Amino acid sequence: MTRYLVTGGAGFIGSHIVHALVARGEEVVVLDNLTGGDRTNVPAQATLVVGDIVHAPTVDELFAAYRPDRVLHLAAFAAEGISHVVKRHNYTVNVLGSINLVNAALAAGTSFFGFASSVAVYGHGAVPMRETEPPEPADSYGNAKLAVERELAITMRMQGLAYTALRMHNVYGERQSMADPYRNAVAIFLNQIMRGDPISVYGDGSQLRAFTYVRDVVDVFLRAIENPAAWGKTFNLGSRRTSTVLHMAHAIRHAMNAPNHPILHLPAREEVHAAYADSTSTRHVLGDWHDTPLDIGLVHTAAWARSHGPVQPTTKLRLETATPTEASWLKWIAAKTAAA
């Protein structure tokens, strides 16, 4: 039996990976600080350690106690739209937290390190985004993800720790946090409908994305572990189907049986307008996968959301270099979370 450590395993994508590993009969240890995750997302067969990847002593103690054979690193601060105004938090979690794990993995003799990266590394690059294109991050989040990718490449070359980095994008589905006001547009829109709030779309909603159903990516993520041809490489992982944000909002209204629910167009914000990737290389090396149509994935996600009910948007995040009055969309979010 192989022992896995899954960081962020009580959260969204991480918990789906944990469930898949447990179903295969693997031994799984989860490290999660529960800021975005929930204990109930972790199956009873897995061991949950509540702790933070940014606290090096916690990471070192966990690796010394469990000595995981393989690490799947999904814990992250992933609100790329505000990463530039929480730089310290972004780099502390996404870079230093990742380095804590890499150091501990080397000390413990871990054989493989799977890293959940992001297409945010491409920034405003040409679409479809390809691994052969030089990455040019447009925000601090993408820059942090790229830094970890490069460090993993150095670590494998100089110290032998095999890795695969998977650049995922716009993953949605069951267990996605509906309380986070800064990220996860699908979950935010579902929660807004259940709360009776208008769906908030930035600008005209023509931003183009490839919304990827979570169950489509889990198996592919796990295939990389067993395939030496994927080690030391970076792959795009996401749907080939594209959609505008406005189309997605309309699809959510239908999935929630609320076709006339109001949509509020907020002022446009600074963001990458088109972000979707070419996954040809990934499918060639790791095998093809089914791209669940958006309307089908949203039906499943909406059913899960209704079973959990609406939540109050809330955040403990504090802006470091800006105030909510400096951007109208930040001010709007601050008003929505003030009651929490």
C-alpha atoms as a PDB file:
ATOM      1  CA  MET A   1       0.000   0.000   0.000  1.00  0.00           C
ATOM      2  CA  THR A   2       1.321   3.423  -0.992  1.00  0.00           C
ATOM      3  CA  ARG A   3       1.043   6.291   1.451  1.00  0.00           C
ATOM      4  CA  TYR A   4      -0.092   9.608  -0.014  1.00  0.00           C
ATOM      5  CA  LEU A   5      -0.060  13.083   1.485  1.00  0.00           C
ATOM      6  CA  VAL A   6      -2.695  15.355  -0.053  1.00  0.00           C
ATOM      7  CA  THR A   7      -2.416  18.999   0.924  1.00  0.00           C
ATOM      8  CA  GLY A   8      -5.700  20.862   0.729  1.00  0.00           C
ATOM      9  CA  GLY A   9      -7.394  17.472   0.872  1.00  0.00           C
ATOM     10  CA  ALA A  10     -10.379  18.815   2.815  1.00  0.00           C
ATOM     11  CA  GLY A  11     -10.998  21.415   0.132  1.00  0.00           C
ATOM     12  CA  PHE A  12     -12.522  21.314  -3.298  1.00  0.00           C
ATOM     13  CA  ILE A  13     -10.354  19.463  -5.826  1.00  0.00           C
ATOM     14  CA  GLY A  14      -8.209  17.933  -3.095  1.00  0.00           C
ATOM     15  CA  SER A  15     -11.120  16.151  -1.461  1.00  0.00           C
ATOM     16  CA  HIS A  16     -12.163  14.579  -4.770  1.00  0.00           C
ATOM     17  CA  ILE A  17      -8.625  13.262  -5.184  1.00  0.00           C
ATOM     18  CA  VAL A  18      -8.643  11.924  -1.614  1.00  0.00           C
ATOM     19  CA  HIS A  19     -11.903  10.058  -2.233  1.00  0.00           C
ATOM     20  CA  ALA A  20     -10.467   8.565  -5.441  1.00  0.00           C
ATOM     21  CA  LEU A  21      -7.312   7.384  -3.656  1.00  0.00           C
ATOM     22  CA  VAL A  22      -9.295   5.872  -0.794  1.00  0.00           C
ATOM     23  CA  ALA A  23     -11.495   4.041  -3.296  1.00  0.00           C
ATOM     24  CA  ARG A  24      -8.325   2.505  -4.746  1.00  0.00           C
ATOM     25  CA  GLY A  25      -7.345   1.244  -1.299  1.00  0.00           C
ATOM     26  CA  GLU A  26      -4.468   3.675  -0.789  1.00  0.00           C
ATOM     27  CA  GLU A  27      -3.376   5.058   2.576  1.00  0.00           C
ATOM     28  CA  VAL A  28      -4.070   8.801   2.612  1.00  0.00           C
ATOM     29  CA  VAL A  29      -2.997  11.562   4.969  1.00  0.00           C
ATOM     30  CA  VAL A  30      -4.619  14.967   4.499  1.00  0.00           C
ATOM     31  CA  LEU A  31      -3.017  18.249   5.563  1.00  0.00           C
ATOM     32  CA  ASP A  32      -5.473  21.147   5.567  1.00  0.00           C
ATOM     33  CA  ASN A  33      -5.878  24.306   7.633  1.00  0.00           C
ATOM     34  CA  LEU A  34      -9.662  24.231   7.048  1.00  0.00           C
ATOM     35  CA  THR A  35      -9.869  27.877   5.993  1.00  0.00           C
ATOM     36  CA  GLY A  36     -11.463  26.844   2.714  1.00  0.00           C
ATOM     37  CA  GLY A  37     -12.026  23.168   3.366  1.00  0.00           C
ATOM     38  CA  ASP A  38     -14.310  21.191   5.651  1.00  0.00           C
ATOM     39  CA  ARG A  39     -13.774  18.125   7.811  1.00  0.00           C
ATOM     40  CA  THR A  40     -16.853  16.516   6.320  1.00  0.00           C
ATOM     41  CA  ASN A  41     -15.146  16.435   2.905  1.00  0.00           C
ATOM     42  CA  VAL A  42     -12.540  13.963   4.200  1.00  0.00           C
ATOM     43  CA  PRO A  43     -13.593  10.284   4.147  1.00  0.00           C
ATOM     44  CA  ALA A  44     -13.281   8.322   7.375  1.00  0.00           C
ATOM     45  CA  GLN A  45     -10.618   6.069   5.838  1.00  0.00           C
ATOM     46  CA  ALA A  46      -8.196   9.020   5.497  1.00  0.00           C
ATOM     47  CA  THR A  47      -6.215  10.661   8.281  1.00  0.00           C
ATOM     48  CA  LEU A  48      -6.825  14.397   8.656  1.00  0.00           C
ATOM     49  CA  VAL A  49      -4.071  16.561  10.115  1.00  0.00           C
ATOM     50  CA  VAL A  50      -5.218  20.131  10.725  1.00  0.00           C
ATOM     51  CA  GLY A  51      -2.277  22.388  10.037  1.00  0.00           C
ATOM     52  CA  ASP A  52      -0.858  24.974   7.673  1.00  0.00           C
ATOM     53  CA  ILE A  53       1.753  24.460   4.963  1.00  0.00           C
ATOM     54  CA  VAL A  54       3.264  27.857   5.814  1.00  0.00           C
ATOM     55  CA  HIS A  55       4.265  26.590   9.277  1.00  0.00           C
ATOM     56  CA  ALA A  56       7.492  24.703   8.578  1.00  0.00           C
ATOM     57  CA  PRO A  57       7.630  22.868  11.944  1.00  0.00           C
ATOM     58  CA  THR A  58       4.146  21.439  11.330  1.00  0.00           C
ATOM     59  CA  VAL A  59       5.144  20.260   7.855  1.00  0.00           C
ATOM     60  CA  ASP A  60       8.421  18.755   9.076  1.00  0.00           C
ATOM     61  CA  GLU A  61       6.716  16.947  11.958  1.00  0.00           C
ATOM     62  CA  LEU A  62       4.038  15.535   9.660  1.00  0.00           C
ATOM     63  CA  PHE A  63       6.593  14.187   7.170  1.00  0.00           C
ATOM     64  CA  ALA A  64       8.690  12.723   9.990  1.00  0.00           C
ATOM     65  CA  ALA A  65       5.639  10.981  11.453  1.00  0.00           C
ATOM     66  CA  TYR A  66       4.065   9.638   8.250  1.00  0.00           C
ATOM     67  CA  ARG A  67       6.920   9.625   5.689  1.00  0.00           C
ATOM     68  CA  PRO A  68       4.592   9.787   2.668  1.00  0.00           C
ATOM     69  CA  ASP A  69       5.693   8.002  -0.496  1.00  0.00           C
ATOM     70  CA  ARG A  70       3.936  10.517  -2.710  1.00  0.00           C
ATOM     71  CA  VAL A  71       2.767  14.093  -2.238  1.00  0.00           C
ATOM     72  CA  LEU A  72      -0.116  15.698  -4.115  1.00  0.00           C
ATOM     73  CA  HIS A  73      -0.005  19.414  -3.421  1.00  0.00           C
ATOM     74  CA  LEU A  74      -3.319  21.214  -3.887  1.00  0.00           C
ATOM     75  CA  ALA A  75      -3.323  23.613  -0.922  1.00  0.00           C
ATOM     76  CA  ALA A  76      -3.169  27.179  -2.230  1.00  0.00           C
ATOM     77  CA  PHE A  77      -4.420  30.718  -2.060  1.00  0.00           C
ATOM     78  CA  ALA A  78      -6.171  30.872  -5.410  1.00  0.00           C
ATOM     79  CA  ALA A  79      -7.950  34.238  -5.639  1.00  0.00           C
ATOM     80  CA  GLU A  80      -5.880  35.477  -8.555  1.00  0.00           C
ATOM     81  CA  GLY A  81      -8.033  38.582  -9.085  1.00  0.00           C
ATOM     82  CA  ILE A  82      -6.839  40.121  -5.819  1.00  0.00           C
ATOM     83  CA  SER A  83      -3.428  38.450  -5.517  1.00  0.00           C
ATOM     84  CA  HIS A  84      -1.715  41.732  -6.404  1.00  0.00           C
ATOM     85  CA  VAL A  85      -3.152  43.437  -3.304  1.00  0.00           C
ATOM     86  CA  VAL A  86      -2.335  40.576  -0.936  1.00  0.00           C
ATOM     87  CA  LYS A  87       1.187  39.947  -2.163  1.00  0.00           C
ATOM     88  CA  ARG A  88       2.607  38.811   1.174  1.00  0.00           C
ATOM     89  CA  HIS A  89      -0.210  36.346   1.721  1.00  0.00           C
ATOM     90  CA  ASN A  90      -0.061  35.101  -1.870  1.00  0.00           C
ATOM     91  CA  TYR A  91       3.673  34.425  -1.887  1.00  0.00           C
ATOM     92  CA  THR A  92       3.769  33.118   1.670  1.00  0.00           C
ATOM     93  CA  VAL A  93       1.153  30.454   0.972  1.00  0.00           C
ATOM     94  CA  ASN A  94       1.810  29.656  -2.667  1.00  0.00           C
ATOM     95  CA  VAL A  95       5.604  29.873  -2.752  1.00  0.00           C
ATOM     96  CA  LEU A  96       7.017  29.506   0.766  1.00  0.00           C
ATOM     97  CA  GLY A  97       4.355  26.975   1.757  1.00  0.00           C
ATOM     98  CA  SER A  98       5.222  24.925  -1.322  1.00  0.00           C
ATOM     99  CA  ILE A  99       8.945  25.131  -0.542  1.00  0.00           C
ATOM    100  CA  ASN A 100       8.266  23.860   2.980  1.00  0.00           C
ATOM    101  CA  LEU A 101       6.681  20.786   1.397  1.00  0.00           C
ATOM    102  CA  VAL A 102       9.492  20.282  -1.123  1.00  0.00           C
ATOM    103  CA  ASN A 103      12.150  20.459   1.604  1.00  0.00           C
ATOM    104  CA  ALA A 104      10.252  18.017   3.798  1.00  0.00           C
ATOM    105  CA  ALA A 105       9.667  15.653   0.872  1.00  0.00           C
ATOM    106  CA  LEU A 106      13.394  15.553   0.155  1.00  0.00           C
ATOM    107  CA  ALA A 107      14.204  14.876   3.802  1.00  0.00           C
ATOM    108  CA  ALA A 108      11.622  12.070   3.991  1.00  0.00           C
ATOM    109  CA  GLY A 109      12.675  10.362   0.779  1.00  0.00           C
ATOM    110  CA  THR A 110       9.359  11.016  -0.965  1.00  0.00           C
ATOM    111  CA  SER A 111       9.420   9.610  -4.512  1.00  0.00           C
ATOM    112  CA  PHE A 112       6.918  11.869  -6.309  1.00  0.00           C
ATOM    113  CA  PHE A 113       5.509  15.384  -5.988  1.00  0.00           C
ATOM    114  CA  GLY A 114       2.318  16.247  -7.882  1.00  0.00           C
ATOM    115  CA  PHE A 115       1.650  19.980  -8.142  1.00  0.00           C
ATOM    116  CA  ALA A 116      -1.643  21.709  -8.930  1.00  0.00           C
ATOM    117  CA  SER A 117      -0.565  24.672 -11.024  1.00  0.00           C
ATOM    118  CA  SER A 118      -2.737  27.011 -13.080  1.00  0.00           C
ATOM    119  CA  VAL A 119      -3.146  28.478 -16.552  1.00  0.00           C
ATOM    120  CA  ALA A 120      -2.687  31.801 -14.764  1.00  0.00           C
ATOM    121  CA  VAL A 121       1.006  31.340 -15.574  1.00  0.00           C
ATOM    122  CA  TYR A 122       0.190  32.286 -19.201  1.00  0.00           C
ATOM    123  CA  GLY A 123      -1.339  35.676 -18.369  1.00  0.00           C
ATOM    124  CA  HIS A 124      -2.572  37.497 -21.465  1.00  0.00           C
ATOM    125  CA  GLY A 125      -0.941  34.975 -23.793  1.00  0.00           C
ATOM    126  CA  ALA A 126      -2.435  33.818 -27.073  1.00  0.00           C
ATOM    127  CA  VAL A 127      -5.245  31.300 -26.899  1.00  0.00           C
ATOM    128  CA  PRO A 128      -5.448  28.417 -26.830  1.00  0.00           C
ATOM    129  CA  MET A 129      -2.604  28.518 -24.317  1.00  0.00           C
ATOM    130  CA  ARG A 130       0.105  25.934 -24.987  1.00  0.00           C
ATOM    131  CA  GLU A 131       2.900  24.549 -22.824  1.00  0.00           C
ATOM    132  CA  THR A 132       5.392  25.474 -25.557  1.00  0.00           C
ATOM    133  CA  GLU A 133       4.598  29.172 -25.194  1.00  0.00           C
ATOM    134  CA  PRO A 134       6.749  31.203 -22.782  1.00  0.00           C
ATOM    135  CA  PRO A 135       4.669  31.934 -19.671  1.00  0.00           C
ATOM    136  CA  GLU A 136       4.023  35.600 -18.887  1.00  0.00           C
ATOM    137  CA  PRO A 137       1.916  35.819 -15.719  1.00  0.00           C
ATOM    138  CA  ALA A 138      -0.394  38.821 -15.498  1.00  0.00           C
ATOM    139  CA  ASP A 139      -0.925  38.643 -11.742  1.00  0.00           C
ATOM    140  CA  SER A 140       0.879  37.686  -8.558  1.00  0.00           C
ATOM    141  CA  TYR A 141      -0.965  34.380  -8.287  1.00  0.00           C
ATOM    142  CA  GLY A 142       0.227  33.191 -11.687  1.00  0.00           C
ATOM    143  CA  ASN A 143       3.726  34.398 -10.889  1.00  0.00           C
ATOM    144  CA  ALA A 144       3.764  32.350  -7.675  1.00  0.00           C
ATOM    145  CA  LYS A 145       2.576  29.213  -9.457  1.00  0.00           C
ATOM    146  CA  LEU A 146       5.258  29.628 -12.112  1.00  0.00           C
ATOM    147  CA  ALA A 147       7.939  30.073  -9.440  1.00  0.00           C
ATOM    148  CA  VAL A 148       6.982  26.732  -7.869  1.00  0.00           C
ATOM    149  CA  GLU A 149       6.987  24.987 -11.258  1.00  0.00           C
ATOM    150  CA  ARG A 150      10.516  26.232 -11.868  1.00  0.00           C
ATOM    151  CA  GLU A 151      11.687  25.232  -8.400  1.00  0.00           C
ATOM    152  CA  LEU A 152      10.322  21.713  -8.889  1.00  0.00           C
ATOM    153  CA  ALA A 153      12.250  21.454 -12.168  1.00  0.00           C
ATOM    154  CA  ILE A 154      15.453  22.499 -10.394  1.00  0.00           C
ATOM    155  CA  THR A 155      14.791  20.102  -7.516  1.00  0.00           C
ATOM    156  CA  MET A 156      14.252  17.132  -9.826  1.00  0.00           C
ATOM    157  CA  ARG A 157      17.368  17.922 -11.839  1.00  0.00           C
ATOM    158  CA  MET A 158      19.632  18.483  -8.854  1.00  0.00           C
ATOM    159  CA  GLN A 159      18.078  16.311  -6.135  1.00  0.00           C
ATOM    160  CA  GLY A 160      16.043  13.685  -7.938  1.00  0.00           C
ATOM    161  CA  LEU A 161      12.504  14.384  -6.713  1.00  0.00           C
ATOM    162  CA  ALA A 162      10.191  13.394  -9.577  1.00  0.00           C
ATOM    163  CA  TYR A 163       7.279  15.757 -10.183  1.00  0.00           C
ATOM    164  CA  THR A 164       4.484  16.611 -12.557  1.00  0.00           C
ATOM    165  CA  ALA A 165       2.808  20.020 -12.659  1.00  0.00           C
ATOM    166  CA  LEU A 166      -0.735  20.245 -13.995  1.00  0.00           C
ATOM    167  CA  ARG A 167      -1.981  23.647 -15.101  1.00  0.00           C
ATOM    168  CA  MET A 168      -5.680  23.454 -14.350  1.00  0.00           C
ATOM    169  CA  HIS A 169      -8.241  26.095 -15.152  1.00  0.00           C
ATOM    170  CA  ASN A 170     -11.717  27.111 -14.051  1.00  0.00           C
ATOM    171  CA  VAL A 171     -12.517  23.842 -12.317  1.00  0.00           C
ATOM    172  CA  TYR A 172     -16.003  23.743 -10.774  1.00  0.00           C
ATOM    173  CA  GLY A 173     -18.247  21.182  -9.132  1.00  0.00           C
ATOM    174  CA  GLU A 174     -19.421  19.704  -5.875  1.00  0.00           C
ATOM    175  CA  ARG A 175     -17.666  20.861  -2.675  1.00  0.00           C
ATOM    176  CA  GLN A 176     -16.523  24.144  -4.182  1.00  0.00           C
ATOM    177  CA  SER A 177     -16.667  26.874  -1.552  1.00  0.00           C
ATOM    178  CA  MET A 178     -19.746  29.060  -1.930  1.00  0.00           C
ATOM    179  CA  ALA A 179     -18.681  31.377   0.912  1.00  0.00           C
ATOM    180  CA  ASP A 180     -15.517  32.706  -0.716  1.00  0.00           C
ATOM    181  CA  PRO A 181     -16.434  36.101  -2.211  1.00  0.00           C
ATOM    182  CA  TYR A 182     -13.286  36.433  -4.334  1.00  0.00           C
ATOM    183  CA  ARG A 183     -13.122  33.244  -6.389  1.00  0.00           C
ATOM    184  CA  ASN A 184     -15.119  30.353  -7.849  1.00  0.00           C
ATOM    185  CA  ALA A 185     -17.612  32.140 -10.098  1.00  0.00           C
ATOM    186  CA  VAL A 186     -19.814  29.061 -10.489  1.00  0.00           C
ATOM    187  CA  ALA A 187     -20.143  28.604  -6.720  1.00  0.00           C
ATOM    188  CA  ILE A 188     -20.673  32.324  -6.168  1.00  0.00           C
ATOM    189  CA  PHE A 189     -23.458  32.449  -8.751  1.00  0.00           C
ATOM    190  CA  LEU A 190     -25.189  29.390  -7.265  1.00  0.00           C
ATOM    191  CA  ASN A 191     -25.069  30.927  -3.818  1.00  0.00           C
ATOM    192  CA  GLN A 192     -26.361  34.259  -5.079  1.00  0.00           C
ATOM    193  CA  ILE A 193     -29.420  32.595  -6.593  1.00  0.00           C
ATOM    194  CA  MET A 194     -30.165  30.712  -3.373  1.00  0.00           C
ATOM    195  CA  ARG A 195     -29.726  33.893  -1.322  1.00  0.00           C
ATOM    196  CA  GLY A 196     -31.980  35.892  -3.615  1.00  0.00           C
ATOM    197  CA  ASP A 197     -29.112  38.174  -4.666  1.00  0.00           C
ATOM    198  CA  PRO A 198     -28.541  39.096  -8.305  1.00  0.00           C
ATOM    199  CA  ILE A 199     -25.834  37.197 -10.153  1.00  0.00           C
ATOM    200  CA  SER A 200     -22.799  39.486 -10.264  1.00  0.00           C
ATOM    201  CA  VAL A 201     -21.022  39.596 -13.625  1.00  0.00           C
ATOM    202  CA  TYR A 202     -18.026  41.846 -14.191  1.00  0.00           C
ATOM    203  CA  GLY A 203     -18.350  43.970 -17.300  1.00  0.00           C
ATOM    204  CA  ASP A 204     -20.389  42.558 -20.166  1.00  0.00           C
ATOM    205  CA  GLY A 205     -19.576  38.940 -19.286  1.00  0.00           C
ATOM    206  CA  SER A 206     -17.761  38.251 -22.550  1.00  0.00           C
ATOM    207  CA  GLN A 207     -14.709  36.873 -20.722  1.00  0.00           C
ATOM    208  CA  LEU A 208     -13.956  33.522 -22.332  1.00  0.00           C
ATOM    209  CA  ARG A 209     -13.149  30.509 -20.176  1.00  0.00           C
ATOM    210  CA  ALA A 210     -13.066  26.705 -20.342  1.00  0.00           C
ATOM    211  CA  PHE A 211     -15.120  25.662 -17.340  1.00  0.00           C
ATOM    212  CA  THR A 212     -13.922  22.219 -16.288  1.00  0.00           C
ATOM    213  CA  TYR A 213     -16.004  19.783 -14.257  1.00  0.00           C
ATOM    214  CA  VAL A 214     -14.027  18.493 -11.291  1.00  0.00           C
ATOM    215  CA  ARG A 215     -14.733  14.809 -11.856  1.00  0.00           C
ATOM    216  CA  ASP A 216     -13.094  15.065 -15.291  1.00  0.00           C
ATOM    217  CA  VAL A 217      -9.686  16.043 -13.887  1.00  0.00           C
ATOM    218  CA  VAL A 218      -9.248  13.732 -10.888  1.00  0.00           C
ATOM    219  CA  ASP A 219      -8.312  10.578 -12.762  1.00  0.00           C
ATOM    220  CA  VAL A 220      -5.926  12.465 -15.050  1.00  0.00           C
ATOM    221  CA  PHE A 221      -4.182  13.992 -12.049  1.00  0.00           C
ATOM    222  CA  LEU A 222      -3.631  10.515 -10.637  1.00  0.00           C
ATOM    223  CA  ARG A 223      -2.404   9.051 -13.933  1.00  0.00           C
ATOM    224  CA  ALA A 224       0.649  11.325 -13.823  1.00  0.00           C
ATOM    225  CA  ILE A 225       1.877   9.586 -10.679  1.00  0.00           C
ATOM    226  CA  GLU A 226       2.205   6.227 -12.409  1.00  0.00           C
ATOM    227  CA  ASN A 227       3.533   7.443 -15.759  1.00  0.00           C
ATOM    228  CA  PRO A 228       7.279   8.199 -15.891  1.00  0.00           C
ATOM    229  CA  ALA A 229       6.740   9.889 -19.257  1.00  0.00           C
ATOM    230  CA  ALA A 230       4.930  12.659 -17.351  1.00  0.00           C
ATOM    231  CA  TRP A 231       7.634  13.223 -14.747  1.00  0.00           C
ATOM    232  CA  GLY A 232       9.599  16.424 -14.941  1.00  0.00           C
ATOM    233  CA  LYS A 233       6.975  17.975 -17.194  1.00  0.00           C
ATOM    234  CA  THR A 234       4.144  20.475 -17.076  1.00  0.00           C
ATOM    235  CA  PHE A 235       0.761  19.849 -18.691  1.00  0.00           C
ATOM    236  CA  ASN A 236      -2.464  21.741 -19.267  1.00  0.00           C
ATOM    237  CA  LEU A 237      -5.486  20.093 -17.697  1.00  0.00           C
ATOM    238  CA  GLY A 238      -8.930  21.349 -18.545  1.00  0.00           C
ATOM    239  CA  SER A 239     -11.909  21.218 -20.835  1.00  0.00           C
ATOM    240  CA  ARG A 240     -11.775  21.755 -24.587  1.00  0.00           C
ATOM    241  CA  ARG A 241     -15.221  23.373 -24.390  1.00  0.00           C
ATOM    242  CA  THR A 242     -15.254  27.165 -24.009  1.00  0.00           C
ATOM    243  CA  SER A 243     -17.951  29.472 -22.720  1.00  0.00           C
ATOM    244  CA  THR A 244     -18.348  33.116 -21.861  1.00  0.00           C
ATOM    245  CA  VAL A 245     -18.983  34.027 -18.246  1.00  0.00           C
ATOM    246  CA  LEU A 246     -22.376  35.440 -19.231  1.00  0.00           C
ATOM    247  CA  HIS A 247     -23.351  32.178 -20.954  1.00  0.00           C
ATOM    248  CA  MET A 248     -22.277  30.300 -17.841  1.00  0.00           C
ATOM    249  CA  ALA A 249     -24.465  32.595 -15.713  1.00  0.00           C
ATOM    250  CA  HIS A 250     -27.483  31.830 -17.909  1.00  0.00           C
ATOM    251  CA  ALA A 251     -26.695  28.097 -17.731  1.00  0.00           C
ATOM    252  CA  ILE A 252     -26.613  28.300 -13.942  1.00  0.00           C
ATOM    253  CA  ARG A 253     -30.006  29.991 -13.899  1.00  0.00           C
ATOM    254  CA  HIS A 254     -31.453  27.084 -15.866  1.00  0.00           C
ATOM    255  CA  ALA A 255     -29.684  24.485 -13.699  1.00  0.00           C
ATOM    256  CA  MET A 256     -31.252  26.135 -10.651  1.00  0.00           C
ATOM    257  CA  ASN A 257     -34.694  26.358 -12.335  1.00  0.00           C
ATOM    258  CA  ALA A 258     -34.498  30.142 -12.083  1.00  0.00           C
ATOM    259  CA  PRO A 259     -34.346  31.248 -15.749  1.00  0.00           C
ATOM    260  CA  ASN A 260     -35.378  34.820 -14.962  1.00  0.00           C
ATOM    261  CA  HIS A 261     -33.087  35.414 -11.983  1.00  0.00           C
ATOM    262  CA  PRO A 262     -31.609  38.942 -12.302  1.00  0.00           C
ATOM    263  CA  ILE A 263     -28.040  39.466 -13.477  1.00  0.00           C
ATOM    264  CA  LEU A 264     -26.161  42.514 -12.208  1.00  0.00           C
ATOM    265  CA  HIS A 265     -23.376  43.819 -14.441  1.00  0.00           C
ATOM    266  CA  LEU A 266     -20.677  45.321 -12.245  1.00  0.00           C
ATOM    267  CA  PRO A 267     -17.937  47.559 -13.660  1.00  0.00           C
ATOM    268  CA  ALA A 268     -15.285  45.607 -15.544  1.00  0.00           C
ATOM    269  CA  ARG A 269     -12.161  44.708 -13.574  1.00  0.00           C
ATOM    270  CA  GLU A 270      -8.574  44.081 -14.594  1.00  0.00           C
ATOM    271  CA  GLU A 271      -8.372  40.425 -15.621  1.00  0.00           C
ATOM    272  CA  VAL A 272      -7.302  38.173 -18.462  1.00  0.00           C
ATOM    273  CA  HIS A 273     -10.113  38.314 -21.012  1.00  0.00           C
ATOM    274  CA  ALA A 274      -9.605  34.925 -22.681  1.00  0.00           C
ATOM    275  CA  ALA A 275      -8.133  31.986 -20.761  1.00  0.00           C
ATOM    276  CA  TYR A 276      -8.394  28.491 -22.151  1.00  0.00           C
ATOM    277  CA  ALA A 277      -5.711  25.979 -22.968  1.00  0.00           C
ATOM    278  CA  ASP A 278      -4.717  23.369 -25.516  1.00  0.00           C
ATOM    279  CA  SER A 279      -4.623  19.995 -23.757  1.00  0.00           C
ATOM    280  CA  THR A 280      -3.351  17.981 -26.744  1.00  0.00           C
ATOM    281  CA  SER A 281      -0.017  17.172 -25.089  1.00  0.00           C
ATOM    282  CA  THR A 282      -1.703  16.080 -21.869  1.00  0.00           C
ATOM    283  CA  ARG A 283      -4.119  13.790 -23.674  1.00  0.00           C
ATOM    284  CA  HIS A 284      -1.264  12.288 -25.684  1.00  0.00           C
ATOM    285  CA  VAL A 285       0.883  11.456 -22.629  1.00  0.00           C
ATOM    286  CA  LEU A 286      -1.723  10.819 -19.944  1.00  0.00           C
ATOM    287  CA  GLY A 287      -4.651   9.614 -22.021  1.00  0.00           C
ATOM    288  CA  ASP A 288      -7.885  11.218 -23.097  1.00  0.00           C
ATOM    289  CA  TRP A 289     -10.723  12.130 -20.773  1.00  0.00           C
ATOM    290  CA  HIS A 290     -14.365  13.043 -21.086  1.00  0.00           C
ATOM    291  CA  ASP A 291     -15.188  16.755 -21.165  1.00  0.00           C
ATOM    292  CA  THR A 292     -18.497  16.991 -19.327  1.00  0.00           C
ATOM    293  CA  PRO A 293     -20.698  19.570 -21.086  1.00  0.00           C
ATOM    294  CA  LEU A 294     -21.200  22.677 -18.968  1.00  0.00           C
ATOM    295  CA  ASP A 295     -24.962  22.275 -18.679  1.00  0.00           C
ATOM    296  CA  ILE A 296     -24.574  18.676 -17.436  1.00  0.00           C
ATOM    297  CA  GLY A 297     -21.872  19.518 -14.913  1.00  0.00           C
ATOM    298  CA  LEU A 298     -23.909  22.442 -13.638  1.00  0.00           C
ATOM    299  CA  VAL A 299     -26.941  20.208 -13.050  1.00  0.00           C
ATOM    300  CA  HIS A 300     -24.850  18.012 -10.728  1.00  0.00           C
ATOM    301  CA  THR A 301     -23.260  21.021  -9.034  1.00  0.00           C
ATOM    302  CA  ALA A 302     -26.597  22.772  -8.585  1.00  0.00           C
ATOM    303  CA  ALA A 303     -28.103  19.672  -6.961  1.00  0.00           C
ATOM    304  CA  TRP A 304     -25.197  19.615  -4.497  1.00  0.00           C
ATOM    305  CA  ALA A 305     -25.563  23.338  -3.800  1.00  0.00           C
ATOM    306  CA  ARG A 306     -29.280  23.025  -3.089  1.00  0.00           C
ATOM    307  CA  SER A 307     -28.622  20.140  -0.695  1.00  0.00           C
ATOM    308  CA  HIS A 308     -26.276  22.387   1.307  1.00  0.00           C
ATOM    309  CA  GLY A 309     -28.293  25.582   1.087  1.00  0.00           C
ATOM    310  CA  PRO A 310     -27.146  29.202   0.879  1.00  0.00           C
ATOM    311  CA  VAL A 311     -24.251  30.580   2.920  1.00  0.00           C
ATOM    312  CA  GLN A 312     -23.173  34.040   3.990  1.00  0.00           C
ATOM    313  CA  PRO A 313     -20.227  35.257   1.898  1.00  0.00           C
ATOM    314  CA  THR A 314     -17.338  35.738   4.293  1.00  0.00           C
ATOM    315  CA  THR A 315     -13.585  36.147   4.294  1.00  0.00           C
ATOM    316  CA  LYS A 316     -10.802  36.642   6.822  1.00  0.00           C
ATOM    317  CA  LEU A 317      -8.528  37.998   4.120  1.00  0.00           C
ATOM    318  CA  ARG A 318      -7.336  41.563   4.614  1.00  0.00           C
ATOM    319  CA  LEU A 319      -6.033  43.622   1.724  1.00  0.00           C
ATOM    320  CA  GLU A 320      -2.408  44.659   2.162  1.00  0.00           C
ATOM    321  CA  THR A 321      -1.803  47.391  -0.396  1.00  0.00           C
ATOM    322  CA  ALA A 322      -5.258  48.666  -1.251  1.00  0.00           C
ATOM    323  CA  THR A 323      -8.583  49.425   0.356  1.00  0.00           C
ATOM    324  CA  PRO A 324     -12.037  48.413  -0.878  1.00  0.00           C
ATOM    325  CA  THR A 325     -12.698  52.025  -1.890  1.00  0.00           C
ATOM    326  CA  GLU A 326      -9.910  51.903  -4.482  1.00  0.00           C
ATOM    327  CA  ALA A 327     -11.850  49.569  -6.790  1.00  0.00           C
ATOM    328  CA  SER A 328     -15.603  49.475  -7.174  1.00  0.00           C
ATOM    329  CA  TRP A 329     -15.776  45.680  -7.364  1.00  0.00           C
ATOM    330  CA  LEU A 330     -13.774  45.316  -4.150  1.00  0.00           C
ATOM    331  CA  LYS A 331     -16.086  47.816  -2.490  1.00  0.00           C
ATOM    332  CA  TRP A 332     -19.094  45.798  -3.641  1.00  0.00           C
ATOM    333  CA  ILE A 333     -17.650  42.589  -2.194  1.00  0.00           C
ATOM    334  CA  ALA A 334     -16.778  44.326   1.082  1.00  0.00           C
ATOM    335  CA  ALA A 335     -20.404  45.373   1.470  1.00  0.00           C
ATOM    336  CA  LYS A 336     -21.568  41.797   0.878  1.00  0.00           C
ATOM    337  CA  THR A 337     -19.217  40.354   3.505  1.00  0.00           C
ATOM    338  CA  ALA A 338     -19.687  43.093   6.122  1.00  0.00           C
ATOM    339  CA  ALA A 339     -22.581  41.271   7.765  1.00  0.00           C
ATOM    340  CA  ALA A 340     -20.517  38.142   8.443  1.00  0.00           C
END
